[in-house]
Amino acid sequence: MEFTRNKSRLTRLPLVAGLRLRMRGLVAVFMSLMLIALGGLAQAASKAEMQQEIRTTTQETLTRLYKSAPGARKAVEGAAGYAVFSNFGMKILIAGGGTGKGMVVDNPSKKETFMKMVEAQAGLGFGVKKFRLVWVFEKKSDLDKFINSGWEIGAQSTATAKSGGKGTEVFAGALSVTPGVWLYQLSDDGLALELTAKGTKYYKDDELN
């Protein structure tokens, strides 16, 4: 009788061991799925936080712009769309550069497109330049081109301030980049009437869109 009971126990041992291994495997799989899910949530939260940070910077920049150039509100709100970027560049000895982030807003649809900006500078001397840019696009074709094809301002490019004619008050303080495309540059000292954002390229931010 004792031999039978021992034999039965020995027979059950592999089954119990197998069940334990399966349970451990299921627990490991469950934990892995949980970690993946938590990682996805953290990434989504981080993306949302970065988007909100850019939105906040955009609103702060527009508020500053409207105080410096009251006519800019009409220009921005009446355009096909606009773009706002925050830039920080440090010029060190022979070469310097900077990167920035921003967003484009299609006024009729209110659609947001998050963008990146890369700036390259060349020259001698030290200095730190921190400024924000507000692009205004009168035509939707220029707005779409900016979003889908990017935009590049060469190092030798120039822009002129609006000096007369139709829309003088509306675009006062803005630089005319091309017909129908305007650029406001805001520094700590206010509006800059000379193009300083040279050698810059703009393109979509795949991580935030």
C-alpha atoms as a PDB file:
ATOM      1  CA  MET A   1       0.000   0.000   0.000  1.00  0.00           C
ATOM      2  CA  GLU A   2       2.834   2.336   0.944  1.00  0.00           C
ATOM      3  CA  PHE A   3       4.595   1.498  -2.306  1.00  0.00           C
ATOM      4  CA  THR A   4       1.471   2.424  -4.279  1.00  0.00           C
ATOM      5  CA  ARG A   5       1.194   5.802  -2.567  1.00  0.00           C
ATOM      6  CA  ASN A   6       4.871   6.573  -3.209  1.00  0.00           C
ATOM      7  CA  LYS A   7       4.492   5.543  -6.825  1.00  0.00           C
ATOM      8  CA  SER A   8       1.496   7.858  -7.164  1.00  0.00           C
ATOM      9  CA  ARG A   9       3.474  10.739  -5.686  1.00  0.00           C
ATOM     10  CA  LEU A  10       6.365  10.117  -8.037  1.00  0.00           C
ATOM     11  CA  THR A  11       3.956  10.080 -10.946  1.00  0.00           C
ATOM     12  CA  ARG A  12       2.488  13.457  -9.923  1.00  0.00           C
ATOM     13  CA  LEU A  13       5.843  15.183  -9.421  1.00  0.00           C
ATOM     14  CA  PRO A  14       6.561  15.814 -13.143  1.00  0.00           C
ATOM     15  CA  LEU A  15       3.003  17.114 -13.571  1.00  0.00           C
ATOM     16  CA  VAL A  16       3.365  19.547 -10.679  1.00  0.00           C
ATOM     17  CA  ALA A  17       6.774  20.683 -11.906  1.00  0.00           C
ATOM     18  CA  GLY A  18       5.354  21.198 -15.371  1.00  0.00           C
ATOM     19  CA  LEU A  19       2.447  23.247 -14.026  1.00  0.00           C
ATOM     20  CA  ARG A  20       4.821  25.404 -12.029  1.00  0.00           C
ATOM     21  CA  LEU A  21       6.983  26.037 -15.078  1.00  0.00           C
ATOM     22  CA  ARG A  22       3.923  26.962 -17.103  1.00  0.00           C
ATOM     23  CA  MET A  23       2.719  29.325 -14.391  1.00  0.00           C
ATOM     24  CA  ARG A  24       6.130  30.968 -14.238  1.00  0.00           C
ATOM     25  CA  GLY A  25       6.082  31.321 -18.001  1.00  0.00           C
ATOM     26  CA  LEU A  26       2.629  32.900 -17.935  1.00  0.00           C
ATOM     27  CA  VAL A  27       3.689  35.299 -15.194  1.00  0.00           C
ATOM     28  CA  ALA A  28       6.790  36.262 -17.194  1.00  0.00           C
ATOM     29  CA  VAL A  29       4.689  36.873 -20.304  1.00  0.00           C
ATOM     30  CA  PHE A  30       2.174  38.912 -18.293  1.00  0.00           C
ATOM     31  CA  MET A  31       4.931  41.026 -16.748  1.00  0.00           C
ATOM     32  CA  SER A  32       6.509  41.626 -20.165  1.00  0.00           C
ATOM     33  CA  LEU A  33       3.175  42.757 -21.587  1.00  0.00           C
ATOM     34  CA  MET A  34       2.658  45.058 -18.625  1.00  0.00           C
ATOM     35  CA  LEU A  35       6.095  46.627 -19.106  1.00  0.00           C
ATOM     36  CA  ILE A  36       5.424  47.143 -22.805  1.00  0.00           C
ATOM     37  CA  ALA A  37       2.052  48.717 -22.055  1.00  0.00           C
ATOM     38  CA  LEU A  38       3.522  50.998 -19.392  1.00  0.00           C
ATOM     39  CA  GLY A  39       6.332  51.976 -21.739  1.00  0.00           C
ATOM     40  CA  GLY A  40       3.798  52.849 -24.426  1.00  0.00           C
ATOM     41  CA  LEU A  41       1.785  54.941 -21.976  1.00  0.00           C
ATOM     42  CA  ALA A  42       4.912  56.759 -20.821  1.00  0.00           C
ATOM     43  CA  GLN A  43       5.904  57.468 -24.413  1.00  0.00           C
ATOM     44  CA  ALA A  44       2.417  58.721 -25.229  1.00  0.00           C
ATOM     45  CA  ALA A  45       2.456  60.926 -22.130  1.00  0.00           C
ATOM     46  CA  SER A  46       5.868  62.290 -23.058  1.00  0.00           C
ATOM     47  CA  LYS A  47       4.681  63.049 -26.599  1.00  0.00           C
ATOM     48  CA  ALA A  48       1.570  64.794 -25.287  1.00  0.00           C
ATOM     49  CA  GLU A  49       3.663  66.806 -22.825  1.00  0.00           C
ATOM     50  CA  MET A  50       6.044  67.947 -25.548  1.00  0.00           C
ATOM     51  CA  GLN A  51       3.139  68.932 -27.793  1.00  0.00           C
ATOM     52  CA  GLN A  52       1.557  70.910 -24.966  1.00  0.00           C
ATOM     53  CA  GLU A  53       4.869  72.608 -24.188  1.00  0.00           C
ATOM     54  CA  ILE A  54       5.115  73.780 -27.809  1.00  0.00           C
ATOM     55  CA  ARG A  55       1.499  75.000 -27.730  1.00  0.00           C
ATOM     56  CA  THR A  56       2.224  76.970 -24.558  1.00  0.00           C
ATOM     57  CA  THR A  57       5.353  78.513 -26.071  1.00  0.00           C
ATOM     58  CA  THR A  58       3.363  79.398 -29.191  1.00  0.00           C
ATOM     59  CA  GLN A  59       0.703  81.255 -27.205  1.00  0.00           C
ATOM     60  CA  GLU A  60       3.329  83.066 -25.120  1.00  0.00           C
ATOM     61  CA  THR A  61       5.161  84.108 -28.287  1.00  0.00           C
ATOM     62  CA  LEU A  62       1.998  85.411 -29.938  1.00  0.00           C
ATOM     63  CA  THR A  63       1.101  87.366 -26.805  1.00  0.00           C
ATOM     64  CA  ARG A  64       4.539  89.013 -26.830  1.00  0.00           C
ATOM     65  CA  LEU A  65       4.251  89.726 -30.552  1.00  0.00           C
ATOM     66  CA  TYR A  66       0.840  91.381 -30.222  1.00  0.00           C
ATOM     67  CA  LYS A  67       2.209  93.653 -27.509  1.00  0.00           C
ATOM     68  CA  SER A  68       5.223  94.634 -29.618  1.00  0.00           C
ATOM     69  CA  ALA A  69       3.296  94.941 -32.888  1.00  0.00           C
ATOM     70  CA  PRO A  70      -0.470  95.364 -32.341  1.00  0.00           C
ATOM     71  CA  GLY A  71      -1.187  95.034 -36.060  1.00  0.00           C
ATOM     72  CA  ALA A  72       0.302  91.540 -36.067  1.00  0.00           C
ATOM     73  CA  ARG A  73      -2.856  90.029 -34.564  1.00  0.00           C
ATOM     74  CA  LYS A  74      -4.844  90.955 -37.661  1.00  0.00           C
ATOM     75  CA  ALA A  75      -2.050  89.654 -39.884  1.00  0.00           C
ATOM     76  CA  VAL A  76      -1.862  86.306 -38.088  1.00  0.00           C
ATOM     77  CA  GLU A  77      -5.581  85.719 -37.659  1.00  0.00           C
ATOM     78  CA  GLY A  78      -6.409  86.818 -41.200  1.00  0.00           C
ATOM     79  CA  ALA A  79      -3.768  84.675 -42.899  1.00  0.00           C
ATOM     80  CA  ALA A  80      -4.109  81.183 -44.358  1.00  0.00           C
ATOM     81  CA  GLY A  81      -1.927  80.013 -41.502  1.00  0.00           C
ATOM     82  CA  TYR A  82       1.057  80.745 -39.331  1.00  0.00           C
ATOM     83  CA  ALA A  83       4.053  79.052 -37.723  1.00  0.00           C
ATOM     84  CA  VAL A  84       5.797  79.756 -34.433  1.00  0.00           C
ATOM     85  CA  PHE A  85       9.298  78.555 -33.507  1.00  0.00           C
ATOM     86  CA  SER A  86      11.480  78.933 -30.474  1.00  0.00           C
ATOM     87  CA  ASN A  87      15.181  79.070 -31.233  1.00  0.00           C
ATOM     88  CA  PHE A  88      18.339  79.016 -29.166  1.00  0.00           C
ATOM     89  CA  GLY A  89      21.656  79.368 -30.944  1.00  0.00           C
ATOM     90  CA  MET A  90      25.138  79.801 -29.548  1.00  0.00           C
ATOM     91  CA  LYS A  91      27.888  81.159 -31.756  1.00  0.00           C
ATOM     92  CA  ILE A  92      31.296  79.850 -30.756  1.00  0.00           C
ATOM     93  CA  LEU A  93      34.456  80.917 -32.570  1.00  0.00           C
ATOM     94  CA  ILE A  94      34.339  79.869 -36.249  1.00  0.00           C
ATOM     95  CA  ALA A  95      31.073  77.980 -36.354  1.00  0.00           C
ATOM     96  CA  GLY A  96      27.901  77.792 -34.348  1.00  0.00           C
ATOM     97  CA  GLY A  97      24.359  76.650 -34.709  1.00  0.00           C
ATOM     98  CA  GLY A  98      21.186  75.733 -32.985  1.00  0.00           C
ATOM     99  CA  THR A  99      18.007  73.776 -33.164  1.00  0.00           C
ATOM    100  CA  GLY A 100      14.439  74.630 -32.404  1.00  0.00           C
ATOM    101  CA  LYS A 101      10.919  73.293 -32.332  1.00  0.00           C
ATOM    102  CA  GLY A 102       7.630  74.806 -33.264  1.00  0.00           C
ATOM    103  CA  MET A 103       4.253  74.295 -34.816  1.00  0.00           C
ATOM    104  CA  VAL A 104       2.245  75.344 -37.843  1.00  0.00           C
ATOM    105  CA  VAL A 105      -1.456  76.151 -37.603  1.00  0.00           C
ATOM    106  CA  ASP A 106      -3.829  76.097 -40.568  1.00  0.00           C
ATOM    107  CA  ASN A 107      -6.277  78.857 -39.643  1.00  0.00           C
ATOM    108  CA  PRO A 108      -9.434  77.596 -41.437  1.00  0.00           C
ATOM    109  CA  SER A 109      -9.106  73.986 -40.241  1.00  0.00           C
ATOM    110  CA  LYS A 110      -7.161  74.702 -37.010  1.00  0.00           C
ATOM    111  CA  LYS A 111      -4.968  71.715 -37.865  1.00  0.00           C
ATOM    112  CA  GLU A 112      -1.642  71.625 -36.051  1.00  0.00           C
ATOM    113  CA  THR A 113       1.602  70.346 -37.545  1.00  0.00           C
ATOM    114  CA  PHE A 114       4.656  70.099 -35.313  1.00  0.00           C
ATOM    115  CA  MET A 115       7.947  71.067 -36.922  1.00  0.00           C
ATOM    116  CA  LYS A 116      11.689  71.142 -36.307  1.00  0.00           C
ATOM    117  CA  MET A 117      14.180  73.814 -37.194  1.00  0.00           C
ATOM    118  CA  VAL A 118      17.929  73.493 -37.694  1.00  0.00           C
ATOM    119  CA  GLU A 119      20.102  76.577 -37.869  1.00  0.00           C
ATOM    120  CA  ALA A 120      23.715  76.748 -39.006  1.00  0.00           C
ATOM    121  CA  GLN A 121      25.844  79.845 -38.576  1.00  0.00           C
ATOM    122  CA  ALA A 122      29.354  80.749 -39.543  1.00  0.00           C
ATOM    123  CA  GLY A 123      31.494  83.613 -38.374  1.00  0.00           C
ATOM    124  CA  LEU A 124      33.938  84.781 -35.762  1.00  0.00           C
ATOM    125  CA  GLY A 125      33.213  85.937 -32.275  1.00  0.00           C
ATOM    126  CA  PHE A 126      31.254  84.951 -29.227  1.00  0.00           C
ATOM    127  CA  GLY A 127      27.642  85.612 -28.552  1.00  0.00           C
ATOM    128  CA  VAL A 128      24.357  84.045 -27.619  1.00  0.00           C
ATOM    129  CA  LYS A 129      21.187  84.632 -29.565  1.00  0.00           C
ATOM    130  CA  LYS A 130      17.837  83.571 -28.268  1.00  0.00           C
ATOM    131  CA  PHE A 131      14.798  84.499 -30.253  1.00  0.00           C
ATOM    132  CA  ARG A 132      11.394  83.349 -31.409  1.00  0.00           C
ATOM    133  CA  LEU A 133      10.023  83.377 -34.923  1.00  0.00           C
ATOM    134  CA  VAL A 134       6.484  83.883 -36.184  1.00  0.00           C
ATOM    135  CA  TRP A 135       5.843  83.070 -39.837  1.00  0.00           C
ATOM    136  CA  VAL A 136       2.687  84.337 -41.528  1.00  0.00           C
ATOM    137  CA  PHE A 137       1.448  82.806 -44.785  1.00  0.00           C
ATOM    138  CA  GLU A 138      -1.134  84.782 -46.730  1.00  0.00           C
ATOM    139  CA  LYS A 139      -1.656  81.982 -49.263  1.00  0.00           C
ATOM    140  CA  LYS A 140      -2.499  78.358 -48.486  1.00  0.00           C
ATOM    141  CA  SER A 141      -0.139  77.167 -51.220  1.00  0.00           C
ATOM    142  CA  ASP A 142       2.817  78.696 -49.353  1.00  0.00           C
ATOM    143  CA  LEU A 143       1.556  77.264 -46.080  1.00  0.00           C
ATOM    144  CA  ASP A 144       1.290  73.762 -47.565  1.00  0.00           C
ATOM    145  CA  LYS A 145       4.720  74.080 -49.135  1.00  0.00           C
ATOM    146  CA  PHE A 146       6.215  75.025 -45.790  1.00  0.00           C
ATOM    147  CA  ILE A 147       4.617  71.999 -44.125  1.00  0.00           C
ATOM    148  CA  ASN A 148       5.084  69.328 -46.770  1.00  0.00           C
ATOM    149  CA  SER A 149       8.282  70.352 -48.526  1.00  0.00           C
ATOM    150  CA  GLY A 150      10.029  72.213 -45.767  1.00  0.00           C
ATOM    151  CA  TRP A 151      11.618  75.602 -46.141  1.00  0.00           C
ATOM    152  CA  GLU A 152      15.203  76.684 -46.205  1.00  0.00           C
ATOM    153  CA  ILE A 153      16.659  80.162 -45.818  1.00  0.00           C
ATOM    154  CA  GLY A 154      20.172  80.311 -47.193  1.00  0.00           C
ATOM    155  CA  ALA A 155      22.986  81.965 -45.303  1.00  0.00           C
ATOM    156  CA  GLN A 156      23.088  84.744 -47.903  1.00  0.00           C
ATOM    157  CA  SER A 157      19.338  85.377 -47.895  1.00  0.00           C
ATOM    158  CA  THR A 158      18.003  88.779 -46.985  1.00  0.00           C
ATOM    159  CA  ALA A 159      14.592  90.060 -45.995  1.00  0.00           C
ATOM    160  CA  THR A 160      13.284  93.580 -45.914  1.00  0.00           C
ATOM    161  CA  ALA A 161      10.913  95.297 -43.535  1.00  0.00           C
ATOM    162  CA  LYS A 162       7.609  96.492 -44.943  1.00  0.00           C
ATOM    163  CA  SER A 163       8.170 100.133 -45.779  1.00  0.00           C
ATOM    164  CA  GLY A 164       5.088 101.213 -47.641  1.00  0.00           C
ATOM    165  CA  GLY A 165       2.055 100.293 -49.692  1.00  0.00           C
ATOM    166  CA  LYS A 166      -0.927  98.142 -48.862  1.00  0.00           C
ATOM    167  CA  GLY A 167      -0.817  96.406 -45.504  1.00  0.00           C
ATOM    168  CA  THR A 168       1.849  98.633 -43.985  1.00  0.00           C
ATOM    169  CA  GLU A 169       0.135  98.860 -40.608  1.00  0.00           C
ATOM    170  CA  VAL A 170      -0.892  95.201 -40.548  1.00  0.00           C
ATOM    171  CA  PHE A 171       2.614  93.924 -41.259  1.00  0.00           C
ATOM    172  CA  ALA A 172       4.518  96.648 -39.439  1.00  0.00           C
ATOM    173  CA  GLY A 173       7.584  95.077 -37.858  1.00  0.00           C
ATOM    174  CA  ALA A 174       7.491  92.041 -40.135  1.00  0.00           C
ATOM    175  CA  LEU A 175      10.119  91.014 -42.671  1.00  0.00           C
ATOM    176  CA  SER A 176       9.044  90.181 -46.200  1.00  0.00           C
ATOM    177  CA  VAL A 177      10.701  86.841 -47.023  1.00  0.00           C
ATOM    178  CA  THR A 178       8.856  86.290 -50.307  1.00  0.00           C
ATOM    179  CA  PRO A 179       5.623  87.803 -51.643  1.00  0.00           C
ATOM    180  CA  GLY A 180       2.875  86.741 -49.268  1.00  0.00           C
ATOM    181  CA  VAL A 181       5.240  85.246 -46.667  1.00  0.00           C
ATOM    182  CA  TRP A 182       6.136  87.339 -43.638  1.00  0.00           C
ATOM    183  CA  LEU A 183       8.438  86.770 -40.699  1.00  0.00           C
ATOM    184  CA  TYR A 184       8.431  88.371 -37.246  1.00  0.00           C
ATOM    185  CA  GLN A 185      11.585  87.909 -35.160  1.00  0.00           C
ATOM    186  CA  LEU A 186      11.308  88.418 -31.424  1.00  0.00           C
ATOM    187  CA  SER A 187      14.316  88.737 -29.162  1.00  0.00           C
ATOM    188  CA  ASP A 188      14.639  89.831 -25.563  1.00  0.00           C
ATOM    189  CA  ASP A 189      14.915  93.394 -26.876  1.00  0.00           C
ATOM    190  CA  GLY A 190      11.747  93.225 -28.966  1.00  0.00           C
ATOM    191  CA  LEU A 191      11.247  92.971 -32.719  1.00  0.00           C
ATOM    192  CA  ALA A 192      14.322  92.514 -34.916  1.00  0.00           C
ATOM    193  CA  LEU A 193      14.078  94.252 -38.276  1.00  0.00           C
ATOM    194  CA  GLU A 194      17.057  92.475 -39.797  1.00  0.00           C
ATOM    195  CA  LEU A 195      17.011  88.816 -40.803  1.00  0.00           C
ATOM    196  CA  THR A 196      19.107  86.907 -38.286  1.00  0.00           C
ATOM    197  CA  ALA A 197      17.626  83.421 -38.816  1.00  0.00           C
ATOM    198  CA  LYS A 198      19.840  82.662 -41.803  1.00  0.00           C
ATOM    199  CA  GLY A 199      20.989  79.229 -42.869  1.00  0.00           C
ATOM    200  CA  THR A 200      17.908  77.600 -41.368  1.00  0.00           C
ATOM    201  CA  LYS A 201      15.886  74.626 -42.517  1.00  0.00           C
ATOM    202  CA  TYR A 202      12.380  73.643 -41.433  1.00  0.00           C
ATOM    203  CA  TYR A 203      10.811  70.198 -41.635  1.00  0.00           C
ATOM    204  CA  LYS A 204       8.130  68.029 -40.024  1.00  0.00           C
ATOM    205  CA  ASP A 205       8.733  66.480 -36.621  1.00  0.00           C
ATOM    206  CA  ASP A 206       7.874  62.813 -37.226  1.00  0.00           C
ATOM    207  CA  GLU A 207       8.005  62.059 -33.496  1.00  0.00           C
ATOM    208  CA  LEU A 208       5.333  64.573 -32.548  1.00  0.00           C
ATOM    209  CA  ASN A 209       2.915  64.295 -35.489  1.00  0.00           C
END
